[in-house]
Amino acid sequence: MIKVKEAIIVEGKYDKIKLSGFIDGLIITTDGFGVFKDKEKLRLIRRLADERGLLILTDSDGAGFVIRNFLKGTVPQNKLKHAYIPDIFGKERRKDAPSKEGKLGVEGISEEILVQAISRSGACCEQCEGKAVNAGDITKTDFFECGLTGGTDSAEKRDRLKKTLGLPQKLTTNSMIDVLNCIMTRDEFYETMNTLN
């Protein structure tokens, strides 16, 4: 596993799944061009850029560069790092046909090439034994203890917390935990929950 400090921005869920196999870090999807209209997600991306910086890793096709350039225009340049994958022609296993340009996207590129691209980007990386939870991290247990999971009104409590913190309402519980660990400490999380309750 490689621990990456910056939040990694990818296009879709299959890219995220691919990276999650060997990256210990926060991975956010743009949902393709969906990020252009999703103001909540853009706010989150800007916030993450301020908190820890961003690493943009999009496909090497035209659409990937449109998304990359859009993000370059919305986040200060000193908060951005770019990882570029080479043009490799082929087809992803899950697809029936190659993409319009015939190039492999992030999900189809080998782990070795992706690691090289991330390393060359200047991102803050370090080798680690596995995805470990630090003692100060917010966990699923904390969510349960605060009533954010496992209760009849847990979804409502999570929605209130997202609204209070200005987070996208569409965040899943796991993504929410990942994001919270980037923007606050465990103590700050409990203070926020005490204020909400």
N, C-alpha and C. Protein backbone atom coordinates (compact mmCIF):
# COMPACT_ATOMS: atom_id res chain seq x y z
N MET A 1 0.84 -1.20 0.00
CA MET A 1 0.00 0.00 0.00
C MET A 1 0.87 1.25 0.00
N ILE A 2 0.36 2.28 -0.64
CA ILE A 2 1.03 3.58 -0.65
C ILE A 2 0.10 4.59 0.01
N LYS A 3 0.63 5.28 0.99
CA LYS A 3 -0.16 6.31 1.68
C LYS A 3 0.06 7.62 0.94
N VAL A 4 -1.02 8.26 0.50
CA VAL A 4 -0.95 9.53 -0.23
C VAL A 4 -1.64 10.60 0.61
N LYS A 5 -0.93 11.69 0.88
CA LYS A 5 -1.47 12.78 1.71
C LYS A 5 -2.59 13.53 0.99
N GLU A 6 -2.36 13.87 -0.27
CA GLU A 6 -3.33 14.67 -1.03
C GLU A 6 -4.61 13.86 -1.29
N ALA A 7 -5.72 14.57 -1.43
CA ALA A 7 -6.96 13.92 -1.87
C ALA A 7 -6.81 13.66 -3.37
N ILE A 8 -7.09 12.44 -3.79
CA ILE A 8 -6.93 12.06 -5.20
C ILE A 8 -8.28 12.22 -5.89
N ILE A 9 -8.27 12.95 -7.01
CA ILE A 9 -9.50 13.18 -7.77
C ILE A 9 -9.45 12.32 -9.03
N VAL A 10 -10.44 11.43 -9.18
CA VAL A 10 -10.56 10.58 -10.37
C VAL A 10 -11.93 10.78 -10.98
N GLU A 11 -12.12 10.22 -12.18
CA GLU A 11 -13.38 10.45 -12.89
C GLU A 11 -14.54 9.62 -12.37
N GLY A 12 -14.35 8.32 -12.20
CA GLY A 12 -15.49 7.47 -11.89
C GLY A 12 -15.22 6.42 -10.83
N LYS A 13 -16.29 5.66 -10.51
CA LYS A 13 -16.21 4.69 -9.42
C LYS A 13 -15.25 3.55 -9.72
N TYR A 14 -15.11 3.16 -10.99
CA TYR A 14 -14.19 2.07 -11.30
C TYR A 14 -12.73 2.51 -11.15
N ASP A 15 -12.47 3.79 -11.41
CA ASP A 15 -11.13 4.34 -11.15
C ASP A 15 -10.86 4.30 -9.65
N LYS A 16 -11.84 4.69 -8.87
CA LYS A 16 -11.70 4.70 -7.40
C LYS A 16 -11.45 3.28 -6.88
N ILE A 17 -12.21 2.32 -7.40
CA ILE A 17 -12.04 0.93 -6.98
C ILE A 17 -10.63 0.44 -7.30
N LYS A 18 -10.14 0.77 -8.49
CA LYS A 18 -8.79 0.37 -8.90
C LYS A 18 -7.75 0.92 -7.92
N LEU A 19 -7.81 2.23 -7.64
CA LEU A 19 -6.82 2.85 -6.77
C LEU A 19 -6.94 2.37 -5.32
N SER A 20 -8.15 2.08 -4.89
CA SER A 20 -8.36 1.64 -3.50
C SER A 20 -7.64 0.34 -3.19
N GLY A 21 -7.28 -0.41 -4.23
CA GLY A 21 -6.56 -1.66 -4.04
C GLY A 21 -5.13 -1.48 -3.57
N PHE A 22 -4.54 -0.30 -3.80
CA PHE A 22 -3.14 -0.11 -3.41
C PHE A 22 -2.84 1.28 -2.84
N ILE A 23 -3.86 2.13 -2.73
CA ILE A 23 -3.67 3.47 -2.18
C ILE A 23 -4.39 3.59 -0.84
N ASP A 24 -3.67 4.10 0.15
CA ASP A 24 -4.26 4.44 1.43
C ASP A 24 -4.41 5.96 1.42
N GLY A 25 -5.60 6.42 1.16
CA GLY A 25 -5.84 7.85 1.08
C GLY A 25 -7.27 8.12 0.65
N LEU A 26 -7.61 9.38 0.61
CA LEU A 26 -8.95 9.79 0.22
C LEU A 26 -9.04 9.90 -1.30
N ILE A 27 -10.00 9.21 -1.89
CA ILE A 27 -10.20 9.22 -3.34
C ILE A 27 -11.62 9.73 -3.59
N ILE A 28 -11.72 10.81 -4.36
CA ILE A 28 -13.01 11.43 -4.67
C ILE A 28 -13.26 11.31 -6.18
N THR A 29 -14.49 10.97 -6.55
CA THR A 29 -14.83 10.89 -7.98
C THR A 29 -15.52 12.17 -8.43
N THR A 30 -15.30 12.52 -9.69
CA THR A 30 -15.98 13.68 -10.27
C THR A 30 -17.32 13.27 -10.87
N ASP A 31 -17.56 11.96 -10.97
CA ASP A 31 -18.73 11.42 -11.68
C ASP A 31 -18.73 11.95 -13.11
N GLY A 32 -17.55 11.85 -13.74
CA GLY A 32 -17.39 12.34 -15.11
C GLY A 32 -17.62 13.84 -15.16
N PHE A 33 -18.43 14.28 -16.10
CA PHE A 33 -18.73 15.70 -16.23
C PHE A 33 -19.72 16.18 -15.17
N GLY A 34 -20.22 15.28 -14.32
CA GLY A 34 -21.17 15.65 -13.27
C GLY A 34 -20.65 16.73 -12.34
N VAL A 35 -19.33 16.79 -12.18
CA VAL A 35 -18.72 17.78 -11.29
C VAL A 35 -18.98 19.21 -11.78
N PHE A 36 -19.22 19.38 -13.08
CA PHE A 36 -19.45 20.73 -13.63
C PHE A 36 -20.67 21.39 -13.01
N LYS A 37 -21.70 20.57 -12.67
CA LYS A 37 -22.95 21.13 -12.16
C LYS A 37 -23.15 20.89 -10.67
N ASP A 38 -22.32 20.05 -10.06
CA ASP A 38 -22.49 19.67 -8.66
C ASP A 38 -21.76 20.66 -7.75
N LYS A 39 -22.47 21.70 -7.32
CA LYS A 39 -21.86 22.76 -6.50
C LYS A 39 -21.36 22.23 -5.15
N GLU A 40 -22.11 21.28 -4.57
CA GLU A 40 -21.69 20.71 -3.29
C GLU A 40 -20.35 19.99 -3.42
N LYS A 41 -20.21 19.20 -4.49
CA LYS A 41 -18.97 18.45 -4.69
C LYS A 41 -17.81 19.41 -4.96
N LEU A 42 -18.08 20.47 -5.71
CA LEU A 42 -17.03 21.47 -5.97
C LEU A 42 -16.58 22.15 -4.68
N ARG A 43 -17.52 22.46 -3.81
CA ARG A 43 -17.17 23.05 -2.51
C ARG A 43 -16.29 22.09 -1.71
N LEU A 44 -16.65 20.81 -1.74
CA LEU A 44 -15.86 19.80 -1.03
C LEU A 44 -14.45 19.72 -1.62
N ILE A 45 -14.34 19.71 -2.93
CA ILE A 45 -13.04 19.63 -3.59
C ILE A 45 -12.18 20.83 -3.23
N ARG A 46 -12.78 22.03 -3.22
CA ARG A 46 -12.03 23.23 -2.84
C ARG A 46 -11.58 23.16 -1.38
N ARG A 47 -12.45 22.66 -0.54
CA ARG A 47 -12.12 22.54 0.88
C ARG A 47 -10.96 21.55 1.08
N LEU A 48 -11.03 20.42 0.38
CA LEU A 48 -9.96 19.43 0.49
C LEU A 48 -8.65 19.99 -0.07
N ALA A 49 -8.74 20.80 -1.11
CA ALA A 49 -7.53 21.44 -1.66
C ALA A 49 -6.89 22.31 -0.59
N ASP A 50 -7.70 23.06 0.15
CA ASP A 50 -7.16 23.92 1.22
C ASP A 50 -6.58 23.09 2.36
N GLU A 51 -7.26 22.01 2.71
CA GLU A 51 -6.86 21.20 3.87
C GLU A 51 -5.61 20.38 3.60
N ARG A 52 -5.52 19.75 2.41
CA ARG A 52 -4.42 18.80 2.18
C ARG A 52 -3.86 18.79 0.77
N GLY A 53 -4.44 19.57 -0.13
CA GLY A 53 -3.97 19.57 -1.51
C GLY A 53 -4.69 18.50 -2.31
N LEU A 54 -4.64 18.64 -3.63
CA LEU A 54 -5.29 17.69 -4.53
C LEU A 54 -4.29 17.07 -5.48
N LEU A 55 -4.54 15.83 -5.84
CA LEU A 55 -3.81 15.15 -6.90
C LEU A 55 -4.84 14.75 -7.94
N ILE A 56 -4.74 15.33 -9.12
CA ILE A 56 -5.70 15.01 -10.18
C ILE A 56 -5.15 13.88 -11.04
N LEU A 57 -5.94 12.82 -11.17
CA LEU A 57 -5.56 11.64 -11.96
C LEU A 57 -6.74 11.26 -12.84
N THR A 58 -6.81 11.88 -14.00
CA THR A 58 -7.90 11.59 -14.94
C THR A 58 -7.36 10.76 -16.10
N ASP A 59 -8.28 10.26 -16.93
CA ASP A 59 -7.88 9.49 -18.10
C ASP A 59 -7.10 10.38 -19.06
N SER A 60 -6.38 9.75 -19.98
CA SER A 60 -5.55 10.52 -20.92
C SER A 60 -6.30 10.88 -22.20
N ASP A 61 -7.62 10.69 -22.21
CA ASP A 61 -8.40 11.06 -23.39
C ASP A 61 -8.89 12.50 -23.30
N GLY A 62 -9.58 12.96 -24.31
CA GLY A 62 -10.07 14.34 -24.35
C GLY A 62 -10.95 14.69 -23.18
N ALA A 63 -11.86 13.79 -22.81
CA ALA A 63 -12.77 14.05 -21.68
C ALA A 63 -11.98 14.22 -20.38
N GLY A 64 -10.96 13.40 -20.19
CA GLY A 64 -10.13 13.50 -18.99
C GLY A 64 -9.45 14.85 -18.88
N PHE A 65 -8.99 15.37 -20.03
CA PHE A 65 -8.33 16.67 -20.01
C PHE A 65 -9.33 17.82 -19.82
N VAL A 66 -10.55 17.66 -20.30
CA VAL A 66 -11.58 18.68 -20.06
C VAL A 66 -11.86 18.78 -18.55
N ILE A 67 -12.00 17.64 -17.89
CA ILE A 67 -12.26 17.62 -16.45
C ILE A 67 -11.05 18.20 -15.69
N ARG A 68 -9.85 17.79 -16.08
CA ARG A 68 -8.62 18.28 -15.44
C ARG A 68 -8.53 19.80 -15.56
N ASN A 69 -8.78 20.32 -16.75
CA ASN A 69 -8.68 21.77 -16.98
C ASN A 69 -9.76 22.53 -16.22
N PHE A 70 -10.93 21.94 -16.11
CA PHE A 70 -12.00 22.57 -15.33
C PHE A 70 -11.56 22.72 -13.88
N LEU A 71 -11.01 21.63 -13.31
CA LEU A 71 -10.56 21.67 -11.91
C LEU A 71 -9.40 22.65 -11.74
N LYS A 72 -8.53 22.73 -12.73
CA LYS A 72 -7.41 23.69 -12.67
C LYS A 72 -7.93 25.11 -12.56
N GLY A 73 -9.09 25.38 -13.15
CA GLY A 73 -9.66 26.71 -13.13
C GLY A 73 -10.45 27.03 -11.87
N THR A 74 -10.69 26.02 -11.04
CA THR A 74 -11.52 26.24 -9.84
C THR A 74 -10.73 26.16 -8.54
N VAL A 75 -9.49 25.68 -8.61
CA VAL A 75 -8.67 25.49 -7.41
C VAL A 75 -7.34 26.21 -7.61
N PRO A 76 -6.81 26.89 -6.59
CA PRO A 76 -5.50 27.56 -6.74
C PRO A 76 -4.41 26.58 -7.19
N GLN A 77 -3.57 27.01 -8.10
CA GLN A 77 -2.54 26.15 -8.69
C GLN A 77 -1.58 25.58 -7.65
N ASN A 78 -1.31 26.34 -6.59
CA ASN A 78 -0.37 25.85 -5.58
C ASN A 78 -0.96 24.73 -4.72
N LYS A 79 -2.24 24.44 -4.91
CA LYS A 79 -2.90 23.37 -4.16
C LYS A 79 -3.07 22.10 -5.01
N LEU A 80 -2.58 22.15 -6.26
CA LEU A 80 -2.80 21.06 -7.21
C LEU A 80 -1.51 20.36 -7.60
N LYS A 81 -1.63 19.05 -7.75
CA LYS A 81 -0.57 18.25 -8.36
C LYS A 81 -1.25 17.40 -9.42
N HIS A 82 -0.50 17.07 -10.46
CA HIS A 82 -1.08 16.33 -11.58
C HIS A 82 -0.33 15.03 -11.81
N ALA A 83 -1.07 13.94 -11.91
CA ALA A 83 -0.51 12.65 -12.31
C ALA A 83 -1.09 12.33 -13.68
N TYR A 84 -0.21 12.02 -14.62
CA TYR A 84 -0.64 11.73 -15.98
C TYR A 84 -0.34 10.27 -16.32
N ILE A 85 -1.35 9.59 -16.89
CA ILE A 85 -1.11 8.23 -17.37
C ILE A 85 -0.78 8.30 -18.86
N PRO A 86 0.05 7.35 -19.32
CA PRO A 86 0.41 7.37 -20.74
C PRO A 86 -0.75 6.92 -21.62
N ASP A 87 -0.64 7.24 -22.91
CA ASP A 87 -1.62 6.76 -23.88
C ASP A 87 -1.34 5.28 -24.14
N ILE A 88 -2.18 4.42 -23.62
CA ILE A 88 -2.08 2.99 -23.87
C ILE A 88 -3.39 2.57 -24.51
N PHE A 89 -3.28 2.01 -25.69
CA PHE A 89 -4.49 1.64 -26.42
C PHE A 89 -4.95 0.24 -26.03
N GLY A 90 -6.26 0.10 -25.91
CA GLY A 90 -6.84 -1.17 -25.53
C GLY A 90 -8.25 -0.98 -25.02
N LYS A 91 -8.75 -2.01 -24.34
CA LYS A 91 -10.13 -2.01 -23.84
C LYS A 91 -10.13 -2.55 -22.42
N GLU A 92 -10.88 -1.88 -21.55
CA GLU A 92 -11.03 -2.38 -20.18
C GLU A 92 -11.82 -3.69 -20.20
N ARG A 93 -11.51 -4.57 -19.26
CA ARG A 93 -12.15 -5.89 -19.23
C ARG A 93 -13.66 -5.84 -19.10
N ARG A 94 -14.17 -4.89 -18.34
CA ARG A 94 -15.62 -4.85 -18.09
C ARG A 94 -16.40 -4.29 -19.28
N LYS A 95 -15.71 -3.71 -20.25
CA LYS A 95 -16.39 -3.07 -21.38
C LYS A 95 -16.43 -3.98 -22.60
N ASP A 96 -17.48 -3.80 -23.41
CA ASP A 96 -17.62 -4.59 -24.63
C ASP A 96 -16.75 -4.06 -25.77
N ALA A 97 -16.51 -2.76 -25.75
CA ALA A 97 -15.73 -2.14 -26.82
C ALA A 97 -14.80 -1.10 -26.23
N PRO A 98 -13.73 -0.75 -26.96
CA PRO A 98 -12.83 0.29 -26.46
C PRO A 98 -13.54 1.64 -26.42
N SER A 99 -12.94 2.59 -25.71
CA SER A 99 -13.50 3.95 -25.66
C SER A 99 -13.44 4.59 -27.03
N LYS A 100 -14.05 5.74 -27.16
CA LYS A 100 -14.10 6.44 -28.45
C LYS A 100 -12.69 6.66 -29.03
N GLU A 101 -11.75 7.03 -28.15
CA GLU A 101 -10.38 7.27 -28.60
C GLU A 101 -9.52 6.01 -28.56
N GLY A 102 -10.08 4.92 -28.02
CA GLY A 102 -9.36 3.65 -27.99
C GLY A 102 -8.31 3.53 -26.90
N LYS A 103 -8.29 4.49 -25.97
CA LYS A 103 -7.26 4.48 -24.91
C LYS A 103 -7.81 3.89 -23.62
N LEU A 104 -6.91 3.25 -22.88
CA LEU A 104 -7.28 2.74 -21.56
C LEU A 104 -7.41 3.92 -20.59
N GLY A 105 -8.40 3.83 -19.72
CA GLY A 105 -8.54 4.83 -18.67
C GLY A 105 -7.81 4.38 -17.43
N VAL A 106 -7.93 5.13 -16.36
CA VAL A 106 -7.24 4.81 -15.10
C VAL A 106 -7.56 3.38 -14.67
N GLU A 107 -8.81 2.97 -14.80
CA GLU A 107 -9.19 1.63 -14.34
C GLU A 107 -8.50 0.51 -15.12
N GLY A 108 -8.06 0.78 -16.35
CA GLY A 108 -7.44 -0.25 -17.18
C GLY A 108 -5.92 -0.26 -17.14
N ILE A 109 -5.33 0.74 -16.50
CA ILE A 109 -3.87 0.86 -16.44
C ILE A 109 -3.33 -0.02 -15.30
N SER A 110 -2.14 -0.58 -15.49
CA SER A 110 -1.57 -1.45 -14.46
C SER A 110 -1.22 -0.66 -13.21
N GLU A 111 -1.22 -1.35 -12.08
CA GLU A 111 -0.88 -0.74 -10.80
C GLU A 111 0.52 -0.13 -10.86
N GLU A 112 1.45 -0.83 -11.48
CA GLU A 112 2.84 -0.35 -11.57
C GLU A 112 2.92 1.01 -12.28
N ILE A 113 2.21 1.16 -13.39
CA ILE A 113 2.24 2.42 -14.14
C ILE A 113 1.56 3.53 -13.33
N LEU A 114 0.47 3.20 -12.64
CA LEU A 114 -0.23 4.19 -11.82
C LEU A 114 0.66 4.67 -10.66
N VAL A 115 1.37 3.74 -10.03
CA VAL A 115 2.28 4.11 -8.94
C VAL A 115 3.36 5.04 -9.46
N GLN A 116 3.90 4.74 -10.64
CA GLN A 116 4.93 5.60 -11.24
C GLN A 116 4.37 6.99 -11.51
N ALA A 117 3.16 7.06 -12.06
CA ALA A 117 2.53 8.35 -12.38
C ALA A 117 2.31 9.17 -11.11
N ILE A 118 1.85 8.52 -10.05
CA ILE A 118 1.60 9.21 -8.79
C ILE A 118 2.92 9.68 -8.18
N SER A 119 3.95 8.83 -8.24
CA SER A 119 5.27 9.20 -7.70
C SER A 119 5.87 10.39 -8.43
N ARG A 120 5.74 10.40 -9.76
CA ARG A 120 6.29 11.51 -10.57
C ARG A 120 5.54 12.82 -10.35
N SER A 121 4.33 12.76 -9.83
CA SER A 121 3.51 13.96 -9.67
C SER A 121 4.02 14.89 -8.56
N GLY A 122 4.86 14.35 -7.69
CA GLY A 122 5.32 15.14 -6.55
C GLY A 122 4.40 15.03 -5.35
N ALA A 123 3.42 14.12 -5.42
CA ALA A 123 2.52 13.91 -4.29
C ALA A 123 3.30 13.37 -3.10
N CYS A 124 2.80 13.64 -1.91
CA CYS A 124 3.44 13.15 -0.68
C CYS A 124 3.04 11.70 -0.48
N CYS A 125 3.95 10.78 -0.81
CA CYS A 125 3.68 9.34 -0.76
C CYS A 125 4.65 8.65 0.19
N GLU A 126 4.18 7.59 0.81
CA GLU A 126 5.07 6.74 1.58
C GLU A 126 4.52 5.32 1.57
N GLN A 127 5.43 4.35 1.61
CA GLN A 127 5.03 2.95 1.65
C GLN A 127 4.46 2.65 3.03
N CYS A 128 3.44 1.82 3.09
CA CYS A 128 2.91 1.37 4.37
C CYS A 128 2.49 -0.08 4.23
N GLU A 129 2.38 -0.76 5.34
CA GLU A 129 2.10 -2.20 5.34
C GLU A 129 0.67 -2.52 4.91
N GLY A 130 -0.22 -1.65 5.18
CA GLY A 130 -1.62 -1.89 4.84
C GLY A 130 -2.43 -0.70 5.28
N LYS A 131 -3.70 -0.71 4.97
CA LYS A 131 -4.55 0.42 5.33
C LYS A 131 -4.85 0.33 6.82
N ALA A 132 -4.17 1.16 7.57
CA ALA A 132 -4.33 1.13 9.02
C ALA A 132 -5.09 2.35 9.49
N VAL A 133 -5.88 2.16 10.53
CA VAL A 133 -6.59 3.28 11.15
C VAL A 133 -5.69 3.84 12.24
N ASN A 134 -5.43 5.12 12.20
CA ASN A 134 -4.63 5.75 13.24
C ASN A 134 -5.47 5.92 14.49
N ALA A 135 -4.80 5.99 15.64
CA ALA A 135 -5.50 6.09 16.92
C ALA A 135 -6.42 7.30 16.97
N GLY A 136 -6.07 8.38 16.27
CA GLY A 136 -6.87 9.59 16.32
C GLY A 136 -7.91 9.70 15.22
N ASP A 137 -8.07 8.65 14.42
CA ASP A 137 -9.03 8.69 13.32
C ASP A 137 -10.46 8.49 13.79
N ILE A 138 -11.38 9.12 13.08
CA ILE A 138 -12.82 8.91 13.29
C ILE A 138 -13.14 7.57 12.63
N THR A 139 -13.87 6.71 13.34
CA THR A 139 -14.16 5.37 12.82
C THR A 139 -15.66 5.12 12.75
N LYS A 140 -16.02 3.96 12.21
CA LYS A 140 -17.42 3.55 12.17
C LYS A 140 -17.98 3.39 13.58
N THR A 141 -17.12 2.99 14.51
CA THR A 141 -17.55 2.85 15.90
C THR A 141 -17.96 4.21 16.46
N ASP A 142 -17.18 5.24 16.13
CA ASP A 142 -17.53 6.60 16.57
C ASP A 142 -18.88 7.01 15.99
N PHE A 143 -19.11 6.69 14.72
CA PHE A 143 -20.39 7.00 14.10
C PHE A 143 -21.53 6.31 14.84
N PHE A 144 -21.31 5.04 15.18
CA PHE A 144 -22.35 4.28 15.89
C PHE A 144 -22.62 4.89 17.26
N GLU A 145 -21.54 5.21 17.99
CA GLU A 145 -21.69 5.79 19.33
C GLU A 145 -22.41 7.13 19.31
N CYS A 146 -22.26 7.87 18.21
CA CYS A 146 -22.91 9.18 18.09
C CYS A 146 -24.29 9.09 17.44
N GLY A 147 -24.73 7.87 17.15
CA GLY A 147 -26.05 7.68 16.57
C GLY A 147 -26.12 7.97 15.07
N LEU A 148 -24.96 8.05 14.42
CA LEU A 148 -24.94 8.32 12.98
C LEU A 148 -25.15 7.06 12.16
N THR A 149 -25.03 5.90 12.80
CA THR A 149 -25.37 4.62 12.17
C THR A 149 -26.08 3.76 13.20
N GLY A 150 -26.87 2.83 12.72
CA GLY A 150 -27.50 1.85 13.60
C GLY A 150 -28.78 2.28 14.29
N GLY A 151 -29.23 3.51 14.08
CA GLY A 151 -30.45 3.99 14.74
C GLY A 151 -31.53 4.32 13.72
N THR A 152 -32.75 4.48 14.21
CA THR A 152 -33.86 4.78 13.31
C THR A 152 -33.73 6.17 12.69
N ASP A 153 -33.06 7.09 13.39
CA ASP A 153 -32.91 8.44 12.86
C ASP A 153 -31.47 8.75 12.44
N SER A 154 -30.67 7.69 12.20
CA SER A 154 -29.26 7.87 11.84
C SER A 154 -29.07 8.64 10.54
N ALA A 155 -29.87 8.31 9.53
CA ALA A 155 -29.74 9.00 8.23
C ALA A 155 -30.01 10.49 8.39
N GLU A 156 -31.03 10.82 9.19
CA GLU A 156 -31.36 12.23 9.44
C GLU A 156 -30.20 12.94 10.16
N LYS A 157 -29.59 12.27 11.13
CA LYS A 157 -28.46 12.85 11.86
C LYS A 157 -27.26 13.07 10.93
N ARG A 158 -27.00 12.09 10.06
CA ARG A 158 -25.90 12.25 9.10
C ARG A 158 -26.17 13.43 8.17
N ASP A 159 -27.42 13.55 7.72
CA ASP A 159 -27.78 14.67 6.84
C ASP A 159 -27.58 16.02 7.53
N ARG A 160 -27.97 16.08 8.82
CA ARG A 160 -27.77 17.33 9.59
C ARG A 160 -26.29 17.66 9.73
N LEU A 161 -25.49 16.63 9.99
CA LEU A 161 -24.04 16.84 10.13
C LEU A 161 -23.44 17.31 8.81
N LYS A 162 -23.85 16.68 7.70
CA LYS A 162 -23.36 17.10 6.38
C LYS A 162 -23.72 18.55 6.11
N LYS A 163 -24.95 18.92 6.43
CA LYS A 163 -25.41 20.29 6.20
C LYS A 163 -24.61 21.27 7.06
N THR A 164 -24.41 20.93 8.32
CA THR A 164 -23.66 21.79 9.24
C THR A 164 -22.23 22.02 8.74
N LEU A 165 -21.62 20.96 8.21
CA LEU A 165 -20.22 21.04 7.76
C LEU A 165 -20.08 21.44 6.30
N GLY A 166 -21.21 21.64 5.62
CA GLY A 166 -21.16 22.03 4.21
C GLY A 166 -20.65 20.92 3.30
N LEU A 167 -21.02 19.67 3.62
CA LEU A 167 -20.59 18.53 2.83
C LEU A 167 -21.71 18.11 1.86
N PRO A 168 -21.35 17.49 0.74
CA PRO A 168 -22.38 17.04 -0.20
C PRO A 168 -23.33 16.03 0.44
N GLN A 169 -24.61 16.19 0.21
CA GLN A 169 -25.62 15.30 0.77
C GLN A 169 -25.51 13.88 0.22
N LYS A 170 -24.91 13.73 -0.95
CA LYS A 170 -24.83 12.40 -1.58
C LYS A 170 -23.70 11.53 -1.04
N LEU A 171 -22.87 12.06 -0.13
CA LEU A 171 -21.77 11.26 0.42
C LEU A 171 -22.29 10.01 1.11
N THR A 172 -21.67 8.87 0.81
CA THR A 172 -22.01 7.64 1.52
C THR A 172 -21.40 7.72 2.92
N THR A 173 -21.81 6.82 3.80
CA THR A 173 -21.27 6.82 5.16
C THR A 173 -19.76 6.63 5.17
N ASN A 174 -19.27 5.67 4.37
CA ASN A 174 -17.82 5.43 4.33
C ASN A 174 -17.07 6.64 3.79
N SER A 175 -17.60 7.25 2.74
CA SER A 175 -16.95 8.44 2.17
C SER A 175 -16.99 9.59 3.18
N MET A 176 -18.08 9.68 3.90
CA MET A 176 -18.22 10.73 4.90
C MET A 176 -17.14 10.59 5.99
N ILE A 177 -16.90 9.37 6.44
CA ILE A 177 -15.86 9.12 7.44
C ILE A 177 -14.50 9.52 6.88
N ASP A 178 -14.21 9.14 5.62
CA ASP A 178 -12.93 9.50 4.99
C ASP A 178 -12.75 11.01 4.93
N VAL A 179 -13.81 11.71 4.52
CA VAL A 179 -13.73 13.17 4.39
C VAL A 179 -13.56 13.82 5.76
N LEU A 180 -14.31 13.37 6.74
CA LEU A 180 -14.21 13.95 8.09
C LEU A 180 -12.78 13.79 8.64
N ASN A 181 -12.16 12.65 8.36
CA ASN A 181 -10.78 12.45 8.82
C ASN A 181 -9.80 13.40 8.14
N CYS A 182 -10.19 13.97 7.02
CA CYS A 182 -9.34 14.94 6.33
C CYS A 182 -9.55 16.36 6.84
N ILE A 183 -10.74 16.65 7.33
CA ILE A 183 -11.03 18.04 7.67
C ILE A 183 -11.12 18.33 9.17
N MET A 184 -11.09 17.28 10.00
CA MET A 184 -11.17 17.53 11.45
C MET A 184 -10.52 16.39 12.22
N THR A 185 -10.21 16.68 13.47
CA THR A 185 -9.70 15.64 14.36
C THR A 185 -10.87 14.90 15.00
N ARG A 186 -10.56 13.81 15.66
CA ARG A 186 -11.59 13.04 16.35
C ARG A 186 -12.23 13.89 17.45
N ASP A 187 -11.41 14.66 18.18
CA ASP A 187 -11.94 15.53 19.23
C ASP A 187 -12.89 16.58 18.65
N GLU A 188 -12.50 17.17 17.53
CA GLU A 188 -13.37 18.16 16.87
C GLU A 188 -14.68 17.53 16.42
N PHE A 189 -14.60 16.27 15.96
CA PHE A 189 -15.80 15.54 15.55
C PHE A 189 -16.76 15.41 16.74
N TYR A 190 -16.23 15.00 17.90
CA TYR A 190 -17.09 14.83 19.08
C TYR A 190 -17.65 16.16 19.57
N GLU A 191 -16.84 17.22 19.47
CA GLU A 191 -17.33 18.56 19.84
C GLU A 191 -18.49 18.97 18.93
N THR A 192 -18.33 18.73 17.63
CA THR A 192 -19.38 19.05 16.66
C THR A 192 -20.65 18.25 16.95
N MET A 193 -20.48 16.96 17.26
CA MET A 193 -21.65 16.14 17.55
C MET A 193 -22.34 16.59 18.84
N ASN A 194 -21.58 17.00 19.85
CA ASN A 194 -22.19 17.52 21.08
C ASN A 194 -22.99 18.78 20.81
N THR A 195 -22.47 19.63 19.93
CA THR A 195 -23.19 20.86 19.56
C THR A 195 -24.48 20.52 18.83
N LEU A 196 -24.42 19.56 17.92
CA LEU A 196 -25.60 19.16 17.15
C LEU A 196 -26.68 18.55 18.04
N ASN A 197 -26.25 17.76 19.04
CA ASN A 197 -27.21 17.06 19.90
C ASN A 197 -27.70 18.01 20.98
